[in-house]
C-alpha atoms as a PDB file:
ATOM      1  CA  MET A   1       0.000   0.000   0.000  1.00  0.00           C
ATOM      2  CA  CYS A   2       2.725   2.448   0.966  1.00  0.00           C
ATOM      3  CA  THR A   3       4.687   1.614  -2.148  1.00  0.00           C
ATOM      4  CA  GLU A   4       1.601   2.137  -4.341  1.00  0.00           C
ATOM      5  CA  ALA A   5       0.862   5.504  -2.681  1.00  0.00           C
ATOM      6  CA  ARG A   6       4.428   6.681  -3.135  1.00  0.00           C
ATOM      7  CA  ARG A   7       4.271   5.609  -6.794  1.00  0.00           C
ATOM      8  CA  GLN A   8       1.068   7.608  -7.351  1.00  0.00           C
ATOM      9  CA  ARG A   9       2.533  10.681  -5.647  1.00  0.00           C
ATOM     10  CA  GLY A  10       5.648  10.415  -7.801  1.00  0.00           C
ATOM     11  CA  GLN A  11       3.540  10.102 -10.958  1.00  0.00           C
ATOM     12  CA  ALA A  12       1.490  13.176  -9.993  1.00  0.00           C
ATOM     13  CA  LEU A  13       4.673  15.141  -9.367  1.00  0.00           C
ATOM     14  CA  VAL A  14       6.055  14.189 -12.773  1.00  0.00           C
ATOM     15  CA  GLU A  15       2.777  15.090 -14.493  1.00  0.00           C
ATOM     16  CA  THR A  16       2.706  18.448 -12.713  1.00  0.00           C
ATOM     17  CA  PHE A  17       6.284  19.119 -13.732  1.00  0.00           C
ATOM     18  CA  VAL A  18       5.585  18.242 -17.391  1.00  0.00           C
ATOM     19  CA  ALA A  19       2.426  20.370 -17.418  1.00  0.00           C
ATOM     20  CA  ALA A  20       4.359  23.281 -15.897  1.00  0.00           C
ATOM     21  CA  LEU A  21       6.998  22.998 -18.616  1.00  0.00           C
ATOM     22  CA  VAL A  22       4.244  23.539 -21.195  1.00  0.00           C
ATOM     23  CA  LEU A  23       1.831  25.888 -19.454  1.00  0.00           C
ATOM     24  CA  VAL A  24       4.222  28.336 -17.784  1.00  0.00           C
ATOM     25  CA  PRO A  25       5.932  29.395 -21.061  1.00  0.00           C
ATOM     26  CA  LEU A  26       2.510  29.669 -22.704  1.00  0.00           C
ATOM     27  CA  ALA A  27       1.289  31.907 -19.869  1.00  0.00           C
ATOM     28  CA  LEU A  28       4.383  34.100 -20.162  1.00  0.00           C
ATOM     29  CA  LEU A  29       3.955  34.320 -23.933  1.00  0.00           C
ATOM     30  CA  ALA A  30       0.258  35.195 -23.590  1.00  0.00           C
ATOM     31  CA  ILE A  31       1.127  38.069 -21.252  1.00  0.00           C
ATOM     32  CA  LEU A  32       3.869  39.261 -23.611  1.00  0.00           C
ATOM     33  CA  LEU A  33       1.528  39.104 -26.611  1.00  0.00           C
ATOM     34  CA  GLY A  34      -1.030  41.161 -24.682  1.00  0.00           C
ATOM     35  CA  LYS A  35       1.583  43.847 -24.111  1.00  0.00           C
ATOM     36  CA  TYR A  36       2.512  43.815 -27.797  1.00  0.00           C
ATOM     37  CA  GLN A  37      -1.137  44.159 -28.742  1.00  0.00           C
ATOM     38  CA  SER A  38      -1.458  47.164 -26.441  1.00  0.00           C
ATOM     39  CA  MET A  39       1.545  48.792 -28.138  1.00  0.00           C
ATOM     40  CA  GLN A  40       0.115  48.054 -31.588  1.00  0.00           C
ATOM     41  CA  GLN A  41      -3.195  49.677 -30.622  1.00  0.00           C
ATOM     42  CA  ALA A  42      -1.292  52.730 -29.370  1.00  0.00           C
ATOM     43  CA  THR A  43       0.525  52.928 -32.711  1.00  0.00           C
ATOM     44  CA  ILE A  44      -2.757  52.813 -34.636  1.00  0.00           C
ATOM     45  CA  ALA A  45      -4.333  55.441 -32.371  1.00  0.00           C
ATOM     46  CA  ALA A  46      -1.284  57.693 -32.799  1.00  0.00           C
ATOM     47  CA  SER A  47      -1.518  57.593 -36.598  1.00  0.00           C
ATOM     48  CA  ARG A  48      -5.223  58.422 -36.452  1.00  0.00           C
ATOM     49  CA  THR A  49      -4.650  61.300 -34.049  1.00  0.00           C
ATOM     50  CA  LEU A  50      -1.936  62.732 -36.269  1.00  0.00           C
ATOM     51  CA  ALA A  51      -3.993  62.424 -39.464  1.00  0.00           C
ATOM     52  CA  PHE A  52      -7.149  63.960 -38.038  1.00  0.00           C
ATOM     53  CA  GLU A  53      -5.106  66.736 -36.422  1.00  0.00           C
ATOM     54  CA  CYS A  54      -4.359  67.878 -39.960  1.00  0.00           C
ATOM     55  CA  THR A  55      -8.060  68.397 -40.646  1.00  0.00           C
ATOM     56  CA  VAL A  56      -8.200  71.160 -38.028  1.00  0.00           C
ATOM     57  CA  ARG A  57      -4.607  72.401 -38.353  1.00  0.00           C
ATOM     58  CA  PRO A  58      -3.690  71.983 -42.029  1.00  0.00           C
ATOM     59  CA  GLY A  59      -1.092  74.740 -41.804  1.00  0.00           C
ATOM     60  CA  ALA A  60       0.791  72.905 -39.074  1.00  0.00           C
ATOM     61  CA  CYS A  61       0.899  69.739 -41.154  1.00  0.00           C
ATOM     62  CA  ALA A  62       2.434  71.606 -44.060  1.00  0.00           C
ATOM     63  CA  ASN A  63       5.174  73.211 -41.956  1.00  0.00           C
ATOM     64  CA  GLY A  64       8.289  71.225 -41.040  1.00  0.00           C
ATOM     65  CA  ALA A  65       8.774  72.789 -37.602  1.00  0.00           C
ATOM     66  CA  SER A  66       5.115  72.288 -36.732  1.00  0.00           C
ATOM     67  CA  GLN A  67       5.318  68.676 -37.855  1.00  0.00           C
ATOM     68  CA  ALA A  68       8.075  68.095 -35.303  1.00  0.00           C
ATOM     69  CA  ALA A  69       5.865  69.582 -32.586  1.00  0.00           C
ATOM     70  CA  LEU A  70       2.976  67.357 -33.661  1.00  0.00           C
ATOM     71  CA  ALA A  71       5.269  64.325 -33.473  1.00  0.00           C
ATOM     72  CA  GLU A  72       6.214  65.195 -29.886  1.00  0.00           C
ATOM     73  CA  GLU A  73       2.544  65.605 -28.977  1.00  0.00           C
ATOM     74  CA  VAL A  74       1.747  62.173 -30.426  1.00  0.00           C
ATOM     75  CA  ARG A  75       4.577  60.547 -28.489  1.00  0.00           C
ATOM     76  CA  ARG A  76       3.438  62.182 -25.272  1.00  0.00           C
ATOM     77  CA  ARG A  77      -0.261  61.356 -25.675  1.00  0.00           C
ATOM     78  CA  HIS A  78      -0.028  57.754 -26.861  1.00  0.00           C
ATOM     79  CA  PHE A  79       3.299  56.360 -25.691  1.00  0.00           C
ATOM     80  CA  GLY A  80       3.683  57.853 -22.256  1.00  0.00           C
ATOM     81  CA  ARG A  81       1.758  57.137 -19.102  1.00  0.00           C
ATOM     82  CA  ILE A  82      -1.901  56.642 -20.029  1.00  0.00           C
ATOM     83  CA  ASP A  83      -3.202  58.943 -17.259  1.00  0.00           C
ATOM     84  CA  ARG A  84      -0.645  61.650 -17.962  1.00  0.00           C
ATOM     85  CA  GLU A  85      -2.031  65.177 -18.289  1.00  0.00           C
ATOM     86  CA  ILE A  86      -1.804  66.803 -21.717  1.00  0.00           C
ATOM     87  CA  LEU A  87       0.183  70.021 -21.294  1.00  0.00           C
ATOM     88  CA  SER A  88       1.555  72.538 -23.766  1.00  0.00           C
ATOM     89  CA  ASN A  89       5.231  72.196 -24.726  1.00  0.00           C
ATOM     90  CA  ASP A  90       5.473  69.015 -22.652  1.00  0.00           C
ATOM     91  CA  VAL A  91       8.055  66.696 -24.197  1.00  0.00           C
ATOM     92  CA  LEU A  92       8.992  63.205 -23.078  1.00  0.00           C
ATOM     93  CA  GLY A  93      12.736  62.742 -23.329  1.00  0.00           C
ATOM     94  CA  ASP A  94      14.525  59.429 -23.671  1.00  0.00           C
ATOM     95  CA  SER A  95      15.592  59.724 -20.041  1.00  0.00           C
ATOM     96  CA  ALA A  96      12.005  60.062 -18.789  1.00  0.00           C
ATOM     97  CA  PRO A  97      11.589  58.454 -15.349  1.00  0.00           C
ATOM     98  CA  THR A  98       9.714  55.200 -14.885  1.00  0.00           C
ATOM     99  CA  HIS A  99       6.601  56.852 -13.466  1.00  0.00           C
ATOM    100  CA  GLU A 100       6.188  58.776 -16.743  1.00  0.00           C
ATOM    101  CA  ARG A 101       6.126  55.584 -18.812  1.00  0.00           C
ATOM    102  CA  ASN A 102       3.380  53.085 -19.479  1.00  0.00           C
ATOM    103  CA  PRO A 103       3.684  50.577 -16.599  1.00  0.00           C
ATOM    104  CA  LEU A 104       2.360  47.722 -18.752  1.00  0.00           C
ATOM    105  CA  TRP A 105       5.073  47.955 -21.390  1.00  0.00           C
ATOM    106  CA  VAL A 106       7.855  46.093 -19.585  1.00  0.00           C
ATOM    107  CA  ASP A 107       9.282  42.613 -20.016  1.00  0.00           C
ATOM    108  CA  ARG A 108       9.530  40.000 -17.246  1.00  0.00           C
ATOM    109  CA  ARG A 109      12.778  41.597 -16.067  1.00  0.00           C
ATOM    110  CA  GLY A 110      11.135  44.986 -15.686  1.00  0.00           C
ATOM    111  CA  GLN A 111      12.971  46.463 -18.685  1.00  0.00           C
ATOM    112  CA  PRO A 112      10.890  48.856 -20.835  1.00  0.00           C
ATOM    113  CA  LEU A 113       9.727  47.465 -24.184  1.00  0.00           C
ATOM    114  CA  LEU A 114       9.864  51.034 -25.507  1.00  0.00           C
ATOM    115  CA  GLU A 115      13.491  51.704 -24.743  1.00  0.00           C
ATOM    116  CA  ARG A 116      13.566  55.305 -26.034  1.00  0.00           C
ATOM    117  CA  PHE A 117      10.745  57.624 -27.018  1.00  0.00           C
ATOM    118  CA  THR A 118      12.717  58.470 -30.157  1.00  0.00           C
ATOM    119  CA  ASP A 119      12.083  54.844 -31.181  1.00  0.00           C
ATOM    120  CA  VAL A 120       8.677  56.151 -32.252  1.00  0.00           C
ATOM    121  CA  ASP A 121       9.089  57.472 -35.795  1.00  0.00           C
ATOM    122  CA  VAL A 122       6.403  59.910 -36.931  1.00  0.00           C
ATOM    123  CA  ALA A 123       6.035  61.150 -40.505  1.00  0.00           C
ATOM    124  CA  LEU A 124       3.514  63.248 -42.440  1.00  0.00           C
ATOM    125  CA  SER A 125       3.245  63.377 -46.210  1.00  0.00           C
ATOM    126  CA  SER A 126       0.885  64.628 -48.911  1.00  0.00           C
ATOM    127  CA  PRO A 127       0.713  61.900 -51.539  1.00  0.00           C
ATOM    128  CA  PRO A 128      -0.778  62.649 -54.952  1.00  0.00           C
ATOM    129  CA  PHE A 129      -4.487  62.047 -55.084  1.00  0.00           C
ATOM    130  CA  ASP A 130      -7.009  61.876 -57.886  1.00  0.00           C
ATOM    131  CA  ALA A 131     -10.631  61.408 -56.966  1.00  0.00           C
ATOM    132  CA  GLY A 132     -11.703  59.935 -60.276  1.00  0.00           C
ATOM    133  CA  ARG A 133     -10.048  57.742 -62.875  1.00  0.00           C
ATOM    134  CA  SER A 134     -12.341  59.062 -65.591  1.00  0.00           C
ATOM    135  CA  THR A 135     -11.379  62.658 -64.819  1.00  0.00           C
ATOM    136  CA  ALA A 136      -7.689  61.795 -65.017  1.00  0.00           C
ATOM    137  CA  ILE A 137      -8.279  60.074 -68.346  1.00  0.00           C
ATOM    138  CA  GLY A 138     -10.225  63.092 -69.527  1.00  0.00           C
ATOM    139  CA  ARG A 139      -7.302  65.385 -68.736  1.00  0.00           C
ATOM    140  CA  ALA A 140      -4.838  63.320 -70.711  1.00  0.00           C
ATOM    141  CA  ALA A 141      -7.144  62.380 -73.553  1.00  0.00           C
ATOM    142  CA  SER A 142      -8.179  64.376 -76.526  1.00  0.00           C
ATOM    143  CA  GLY A 143     -11.479  64.779 -78.252  1.00  0.00           C
ATOM    144  CA  ALA A 144     -14.806  64.231 -76.534  1.00  0.00           C
ATOM    145  CA  ALA A 145     -13.303  63.103 -73.209  1.00  0.00           C
ATOM    146  CA  ALA A 146     -11.149  66.206 -72.885  1.00  0.00           C
ATOM    147  CA  LEU A 147     -14.073  68.418 -73.903  1.00  0.00           C
ATOM    148  CA  LEU A 148     -16.314  66.837 -71.265  1.00  0.00           C
ATOM    149  CA  ASP A 149     -13.693  67.342 -68.551  1.00  0.00           C
ATOM    150  CA  ARG A 150     -13.222  70.980 -69.565  1.00  0.00           C
ATOM    151  CA  LEU A 151     -16.950  71.688 -69.577  1.00  0.00           C
ATOM    152  CA  ALA A 152     -18.036  69.691 -66.515  1.00  0.00           C
ATOM    153  CA  GLY A 153     -14.900  69.068 -64.437  1.00  0.00           C
ATOM    154  CA  PRO A 154     -14.340  70.585 -60.964  1.00  0.00           C
ATOM    155  CA  ALA A 155     -11.670  72.942 -62.314  1.00  0.00           C
ATOM    156  CA  ARG A 156     -14.499  74.841 -63.980  1.00  0.00           C
ATOM    157  CA  PHE A 157     -15.719  75.834 -60.517  1.00  0.00           C
ATOM    158  CA  GLY A 158     -12.265  76.728 -59.220  1.00  0.00           C
ATOM    159  CA  LEU A 159     -11.876  73.425 -57.391  1.00  0.00           C
ATOM    160  CA  SER A 160      -8.948  71.037 -57.482  1.00  0.00           C
ATOM    161  CA  ILE A 161      -9.668  67.339 -57.701  1.00  0.00           C
ATOM    162  CA  SER A 162      -6.014  66.545 -56.941  1.00  0.00           C
ATOM    163  CA  GLY A 163      -4.348  67.125 -53.591  1.00  0.00           C
ATOM    164  CA  GLY A 164      -5.699  67.603 -50.098  1.00  0.00           C
ATOM    165  CA  LEU A 165      -4.772  64.078 -48.993  1.00  0.00           C
ATOM    166  CA  VAL A 166      -2.673  63.763 -45.827  1.00  0.00           C
ATOM    167  CA  GLU A 167      -1.011  60.508 -44.824  1.00  0.00           C
ATOM    168  CA  ALA A 168       0.242  59.947 -41.277  1.00  0.00           C
ATOM    169  CA  ARG A 169       2.676  57.118 -40.617  1.00  0.00           C
ATOM    170  CA  VAL A 170       3.820  55.964 -37.187  1.00  0.00           C
ATOM    171  CA  LYS A 171       6.474  53.298 -36.702  1.00  0.00           C
ATOM    172  CA  LEU A 172       7.309  51.848 -33.310  1.00  0.00           C
ATOM    173  CA  ARG A 173      10.530  49.924 -32.727  1.00  0.00           C
ATOM    174  CA  VAL A 174      10.018  47.534 -29.826  1.00  0.00           C
ATOM    175  CA  SER A 175      13.108  46.463 -27.870  1.00  0.00           C
ATOM    176  CA  PRO A 176      15.694  47.178 -30.571  1.00  0.00           C
ATOM    177  CA  GLY A 177      18.403  46.400 -28.022  1.00  0.00           C
ATOM    178  CA  GLU A 178      17.241  42.767 -27.877  1.00  0.00           C
ATOM    179  CA  ALA A 179      18.455  41.926 -31.389  1.00  0.00           C
ATOM    180  CA  GLY A 180      19.463  38.290 -31.554  1.00  0.00           C
ATOM    181  CA  ASN A 181      16.396  37.000 -29.759  1.00  0.00           C
ATOM    182  CA  GLU A 182      14.288  36.777 -32.919  1.00  0.00           C
ATOM    183  CA  ARG A 183      13.834  33.030 -32.402  1.00  0.00           C
ATOM    184  CA  LEU A 184      12.658  33.678 -28.832  1.00  0.00           C
ATOM    185  CA  ALA A 185      15.476  31.708 -27.261  1.00  0.00           C
ATOM    186  CA  ARG A 186      14.674  33.635 -24.078  1.00  0.00           C
ATOM    187  CA  LEU A 187      11.204  34.512 -22.813  1.00  0.00           C
ATOM    188  CA  ASP A 188      12.184  38.165 -22.753  1.00  0.00           C
ATOM    189  CA  SER A 189      11.175  40.958 -25.073  1.00  0.00           C
ATOM    190  CA  LEU A 190      11.309  40.317 -28.789  1.00  0.00           C
ATOM    191  CA  PRO A 191      12.658  42.955 -31.227  1.00  0.00           C
ATOM    192  CA  LEU A 192       9.688  43.972 -33.358  1.00  0.00           C
ATOM    193  CA  SER A 193       8.635  46.772 -35.672  1.00  0.00           C
ATOM    194  CA  MET A 194       5.019  47.961 -35.508  1.00  0.00           C
ATOM    195  CA  GLN A 195       3.588  50.295 -38.115  1.00  0.00           C
ATOM    196  CA  ALA A 196       0.308  52.088 -38.684  1.00  0.00           C
ATOM    197  CA  ARG A 197      -0.817  54.393 -41.464  1.00  0.00           C
ATOM    198  CA  THR A 198      -3.886  56.623 -41.705  1.00  0.00           C
ATOM    199  CA  ALA A 199      -4.866  58.778 -44.676  1.00  0.00           C
ATOM    200  CA  VAL A 200      -7.456  61.558 -44.483  1.00  0.00           C
ATOM    201  CA  LEU A 201      -8.775  63.831 -47.208  1.00  0.00           C
ATOM    202  CA  THR A 202      -8.521  67.254 -45.582  1.00  0.00           C
ATOM    203  CA  ASP A 203      -9.666  69.329 -48.570  1.00  0.00           C
ATOM    204  CA  ALA A 204     -13.446  68.850 -48.515  1.00  0.00           C
ATOM    205  CA  TRP A 205     -14.116  71.729 -50.935  1.00  0.00           C
ATOM    206  CA  ASN A 206     -15.531  73.804 -48.084  1.00  0.00           C
ATOM    207  CA  ALA A 207     -16.456  77.353 -49.017  1.00  0.00           C
ATOM    208  CA  SER A 208     -15.455  80.366 -46.935  1.00  0.00           C
ATOM    209  CA  GLY A 209     -18.882  81.984 -47.367  1.00  0.00           C
ATOM    210  CA  PRO A 210     -21.858  82.443 -49.703  1.00  0.00           C
ATOM    211  CA  TYR A 211     -21.303  85.839 -51.342  1.00  0.00           C
ATOM    212  CA  GLY A 212     -18.332  87.739 -52.723  1.00  0.00           C
ATOM    213  CA  GLY A 213     -15.710  87.564 -55.430  1.00  0.00           C
ATOM    214  CA  ASP A 214     -13.122  85.708 -53.372  1.00  0.00           C
ATOM    215  CA  PRO A 215     -12.212  82.373 -55.011  1.00  0.00           C
ATOM    216  CA  GLY A 216     -13.321  80.532 -51.898  1.00  0.00           C
ATOM    217  CA  ARG A 217     -16.852  81.940 -51.988  1.00  0.00           C
ATOM    218  CA  VAL A 218     -19.778  79.927 -53.352  1.00  0.00           C
ATOM    219  CA  GLU A 219     -20.955  82.853 -55.472  1.00  0.00           C
ATOM    220  CA  ALA A 220     -17.568  83.179 -57.166  1.00  0.00           C
ATOM    221  CA  ARG A 221     -17.354  79.452 -57.817  1.00  0.00           C
ATOM    222  CA  VAL A 222     -20.869  79.256 -59.253  1.00  0.00           C
ATOM    223  CA  GLU A 223     -20.255  82.318 -61.413  1.00  0.00           C
ATOM    224  CA  GLN A 224     -17.023  80.827 -62.694  1.00  0.00           C
ATOM    225  CA  GLY A 225     -18.661  77.474 -63.392  1.00  0.00           C
ATOM    226  CA  SER A 226     -21.647  78.974 -65.184  1.00  0.00           C
ATOM    227  CA  ARG A 227     -19.552  81.294 -67.343  1.00  0.00           C
ATOM    228  CA  LEU A 228     -19.631  80.392 -71.021  1.00  0.00           C
ATOM    229  CA  ASP A 229     -17.432  81.418 -73.887  1.00  0.00           C
ATOM    230  CA  PRO A 230     -18.458  84.613 -75.755  1.00  0.00           C
ATOM    231  CA  VAL A 231     -19.957  82.702 -78.694  1.00  0.00           C
ATOM    232  CA  HIS A 232     -22.293  80.664 -76.539  1.00  0.00           C
ATOM    233  CA  GLN A 233     -23.182  83.692 -74.434  1.00  0.00           C
ATOM    234  CA  ALA A 234     -24.165  85.614 -77.560  1.00  0.00           C
ATOM    235  CA  GLN A 235     -26.259  82.694 -78.808  1.00  0.00           C
ATOM    236  CA  ILE A 236     -28.112  82.416 -75.505  1.00  0.00           C
ATOM    237  CA  ALA A 237     -28.710  86.172 -75.389  1.00  0.00           C
ATOM    238  CA  VAL A 238     -30.258  86.067 -78.875  1.00  0.00           C
ATOM    239  CA  GLY A 239     -32.351  83.035 -77.972  1.00  0.00           C
ATOM    240  CA  TYR A 240     -33.815  84.744 -74.893  1.00  0.00           C
ATOM    241  CA  GLN A 241     -34.393  88.110 -76.575  1.00  0.00           C
ATOM    242  CA  LEU A 242     -37.880  87.220 -77.832  1.00  0.00           C
ATOM    243  CA  THR A 243     -38.817  86.021 -74.352  1.00  0.00           C
ATOM    244  CA  ARG A 244     -37.569  89.258 -72.836  1.00  0.00           C
ATOM    245  CA  TRP A 245     -39.620  91.378 -75.248  1.00  0.00           C
ATOM    246  CA  THR A 246     -42.731  89.293 -74.468  1.00  0.00           C
ATOM    247  CA  LEU A 247     -42.240  89.748 -70.735  1.00  0.00           C
ATOM    248  CA  GLU A 248     -41.722  93.500 -71.158  1.00  0.00           C
ATOM    249  CA  LEU A 249     -44.995  93.775 -73.080  1.00  0.00           C
ATOM    250  CA  MET A 250     -46.781  91.781 -70.378  1.00  0.00           C
ATOM    251  CA  ASP A 251     -45.260  94.077 -67.765  1.00  0.00           C
ATOM    252  CA  LEU A 252     -46.524  97.170 -69.598  1.00  0.00           C
ATOM    253  CA  ALA A 253     -49.955  95.577 -69.843  1.00  0.00           C
ATOM    254  CA  GLY A 254     -49.955  94.830 -66.124  1.00  0.00           C
ATOM    255  CA  LEU A 255     -50.165  91.092 -66.643  1.00  0.00           C
ATOM    256  CA  GLU A 256     -46.706  90.252 -65.310  1.00  0.00           C
ATOM    257  CA  PRO A 257     -45.491  92.806 -62.769  1.00  0.00           C
ATOM    258  CA  SER A 258     -42.361  90.725 -61.948  1.00  0.00           C
ATOM    259  CA  ALA A 259     -41.138  90.500 -65.532  1.00  0.00           C
ATOM    260  CA  GLY A 260     -38.101  92.629 -64.716  1.00  0.00           C
ATOM    261  CA  ALA A 261     -36.864  89.979 -62.276  1.00  0.00           C
ATOM    262  CA  PHE A 262     -36.279  87.491 -65.067  1.00  0.00           C
ATOM    263  CA  THR A 263     -32.516  86.952 -65.217  1.00  0.00           C
ATOM    264  CA  PRO A 264     -31.543  83.791 -67.094  1.00  0.00           C
ATOM    265  CA  HIS A 265     -28.452  81.940 -65.854  1.00  0.00           C
ATOM    266  CA  HIS A 266     -28.352  83.924 -62.637  1.00  0.00           C
ATOM    267  CA  VAL A 267     -28.063  81.782 -59.495  1.00  0.00           C
ATOM    268  CA  ASP A 268     -28.721  83.016 -55.965  1.00  0.00           C
ATOM    269  CA  VAL A 269     -26.468  80.756 -53.940  1.00  0.00           C
ATOM    270  CA  ASP A 270     -28.207  81.579 -50.652  1.00  0.00           C
ATOM    271  CA  LEU A 271     -31.803  81.232 -51.845  1.00  0.00           C
ATOM    272  CA  VAL A 272     -33.742  78.232 -50.538  1.00  0.00           C
ATOM    273  CA  PRO A 273     -36.923  77.174 -52.393  1.00  0.00           C
ATOM    274  CA  ALA A 274     -40.113  77.507 -50.367  1.00  0.00           C
ATOM    275  CA  ASP A 275     -40.892  73.799 -50.607  1.00  0.00           C
ATOM    276  CA  ARG A 276     -37.561  73.059 -48.906  1.00  0.00           C
ATOM    277  CA  ILE A 277     -38.377  75.098 -45.818  1.00  0.00           C
ATOM    278  CA  ALA A 278     -40.326  73.360 -43.081  1.00  0.00           C
ATOM    279  CA  PRO A 279     -43.455  75.193 -41.866  1.00  0.00           C
END
């Protein structure tokens, strides 16, 4: 009986030891993968923050010095301590103390996975953009396609169909000092490179106001888009002349008191039809 009991206890000990050899590394790897996932999410959030910042501060995104300031803001907001206050001109240096870092981003030895804040590379660019393949073909083509683009394209209204796209790229180098552990010979941090990219169209063709001759005004854009060449303008004027004379006669006869308000091809950009206004 005693021998059988000792044999069972020895078997249980061996089984526990074998299970620990399998489960403990898996548990350590699961924790490490969770930390990597947290850092990847921070990288994605940083690229989104940077891209959408350009929608409200397009001038800063176009200026090199301002881009550097935006990069520092992104590092501070997304790669520092998560409950850290957002302050002006607050920069996290590579020698930032432990309490200013994310407490989750450490390996099992307590070493930071983000060794230096300069390991976060931030870049802004304005890649070429064309909103329509057919419009691009119309620009390069000749004949009917080019004529259609010239008569109906956005350039006719003073708008640019190219440009306005901002691309934000954030690259995070995780534990670059651990090179040589790519095969995970040790259950420490693994040298990785995490990247995220977000593109936003910042030029939404917004107008600066309804009236005026400024190119950004709706009135100026509509007037530019509705303007015809002199030949077509003369043809339209001749075609409407009989209608004008008829309206003038009706005005003199008292049948059409608003005949003088007839202005063909005139658009009031701030006039809303009565059927579009709720009672």
